[in-house]
Amino acid sequence: MTNPNAFILRAEQIAADQQSFSHPWNSNSELSGTQLGRKVGLQRTGVNFIRVPPGKESFIYHSHHAND
């Protein structure tokens, strides 16, 4: 049986793995966050905790034509 506590993350764990990144085509893009799904062992679903600072943008304008 799976340990139910394996799916609980503390704020310190999330902050420790935080990464910053930006989109190369948008100079105003700035994000920082953690891939929560990977931390709890998810393999086919992505769950992310992302912060975008005030005055910044996430990525370039885009749209999705299909679901993954």
C-alpha atoms as a PDB file:
ATOM      1  CA  MET A   1       0.000   0.000   0.000  1.00  0.00           C
ATOM      2  CA  THR A   2       1.219   3.505  -0.819  1.00  0.00           C
ATOM      3  CA  ASN A   3       2.175   5.770   2.055  1.00  0.00           C
ATOM      4  CA  PRO A   4      -0.403   8.628   1.998  1.00  0.00           C
ATOM      5  CA  ASN A   5       2.193  11.003   3.476  1.00  0.00           C
ATOM      6  CA  ALA A   6       4.292  10.587   0.306  1.00  0.00           C
ATOM      7  CA  PHE A   7       1.842  12.948  -1.416  1.00  0.00           C
ATOM      8  CA  ILE A   8       2.105  15.699   1.202  1.00  0.00           C
ATOM      9  CA  LEU A   9       4.726  18.378   0.582  1.00  0.00           C
ATOM     10  CA  ARG A  10       5.862  20.971   3.084  1.00  0.00           C
ATOM     11  CA  ALA A  11       6.463  24.567   2.030  1.00  0.00           C
ATOM     12  CA  GLU A  12      10.181  24.099   2.730  1.00  0.00           C
ATOM     13  CA  GLN A  13      10.337  21.170   0.288  1.00  0.00           C
ATOM     14  CA  ILE A  14       8.602  23.172  -2.426  1.00  0.00           C
ATOM     15  CA  ALA A  15      10.856  26.205  -1.917  1.00  0.00           C
ATOM     16  CA  ALA A  16      14.032  24.083  -1.920  1.00  0.00           C
ATOM     17  CA  ASP A  17      13.413  22.853  -5.487  1.00  0.00           C
ATOM     18  CA  GLN A  18      12.221  26.165  -6.906  1.00  0.00           C
ATOM     19  CA  GLN A  19      13.669  27.095 -10.294  1.00  0.00           C
ATOM     20  CA  SER A  20      13.499  30.358 -12.229  1.00  0.00           C
ATOM     21  CA  PHE A  21      13.031  30.552 -15.963  1.00  0.00           C
ATOM     22  CA  SER A  22      11.783  32.797 -18.749  1.00  0.00           C
ATOM     23  CA  HIS A  23      10.627  32.397 -22.316  1.00  0.00           C
ATOM     24  CA  PRO A  24      13.399  33.171 -24.829  1.00  0.00           C
ATOM     25  CA  TRP A  25      11.008  35.062 -27.145  1.00  0.00           C
ATOM     26  CA  ASN A  26       9.564  37.313 -24.421  1.00  0.00           C
ATOM     27  CA  SER A  27      12.020  39.599 -22.634  1.00  0.00           C
ATOM     28  CA  ASN A  28       9.328  40.443 -20.038  1.00  0.00           C
ATOM     29  CA  SER A  29       8.806  36.776 -19.141  1.00  0.00           C
ATOM     30  CA  GLU A  30       9.854  35.762 -15.619  1.00  0.00           C
ATOM     31  CA  LEU A  31       8.617  32.754 -13.654  1.00  0.00           C
ATOM     32  CA  SER A  32       9.761  30.784 -10.646  1.00  0.00           C
ATOM     33  CA  GLY A  33       8.278  27.561  -9.420  1.00  0.00           C
ATOM     34  CA  THR A  34       8.424  23.882  -8.584  1.00  0.00           C
ATOM     35  CA  GLN A  35       7.251  20.783 -10.454  1.00  0.00           C
ATOM     36  CA  LEU A  36       5.030  19.277  -7.753  1.00  0.00           C
ATOM     37  CA  GLY A  37       3.932  16.282  -9.807  1.00  0.00           C
ATOM     38  CA  ARG A  38       7.478  14.987 -10.145  1.00  0.00           C
ATOM     39  CA  LYS A  39       8.142  15.457  -6.424  1.00  0.00           C
ATOM     40  CA  VAL A  40       5.279  13.094  -5.529  1.00  0.00           C
ATOM     41  CA  GLY A  41       6.032  10.580  -8.279  1.00  0.00           C
ATOM     42  CA  LEU A  42       3.445  11.446 -10.933  1.00  0.00           C
ATOM     43  CA  GLN A  43       4.569  10.264 -14.353  1.00  0.00           C
ATOM     44  CA  ARG A  44       1.730  11.130 -16.727  1.00  0.00           C
ATOM     45  CA  THR A  45       0.307  14.286 -15.163  1.00  0.00           C
ATOM     46  CA  GLY A  46       2.065  17.594 -14.650  1.00  0.00           C
ATOM     47  CA  VAL A  47       1.276  19.690 -11.591  1.00  0.00           C
ATOM     48  CA  ASN A  48       3.275  22.878 -11.141  1.00  0.00           C
ATOM     49  CA  PHE A  49       3.366  25.693  -8.599  1.00  0.00           C
ATOM     50  CA  ILE A  50       4.436  28.829 -10.471  1.00  0.00           C
ATOM     51  CA  ARG A  51       4.793  32.471  -9.419  1.00  0.00           C
ATOM     52  CA  VAL A  52       4.877  35.384 -11.831  1.00  0.00           C
ATOM     53  CA  PRO A  53       6.221  38.603 -10.232  1.00  0.00           C
ATOM     54  CA  PRO A  54       4.119  41.784 -10.544  1.00  0.00           C
ATOM     55  CA  GLY A  55       4.676  43.509 -13.881  1.00  0.00           C
ATOM     56  CA  LYS A  56       6.078  40.373 -15.529  1.00  0.00           C
ATOM     57  CA  GLU A  57       4.507  37.907 -17.967  1.00  0.00           C
ATOM     58  CA  SER A  58       4.472  34.130 -18.153  1.00  0.00           C
ATOM     59  CA  PHE A  59       5.155  33.277 -21.811  1.00  0.00           C
ATOM     60  CA  ILE A  60       4.445  34.547 -25.293  1.00  0.00           C
ATOM     61  CA  TYR A  61       0.854  34.618 -26.496  1.00  0.00           C
ATOM     62  CA  HIS A  62      -0.069  31.151 -27.752  1.00  0.00           C
ATOM     63  CA  SER A  63      -2.954  28.718 -28.065  1.00  0.00           C
ATOM     64  CA  HIS A  64      -3.411  24.966 -27.799  1.00  0.00           C
ATOM     65  CA  HIS A  65      -5.016  22.988 -30.605  1.00  0.00           C
ATOM     66  CA  ALA A  66      -5.269  19.641 -28.807  1.00  0.00           C
ATOM     67  CA  ASN A  67      -5.090  18.186 -25.324  1.00  0.00           C
ATOM     68  CA  ASP A  68      -2.109  16.111 -24.260  1.00  0.00           C
END
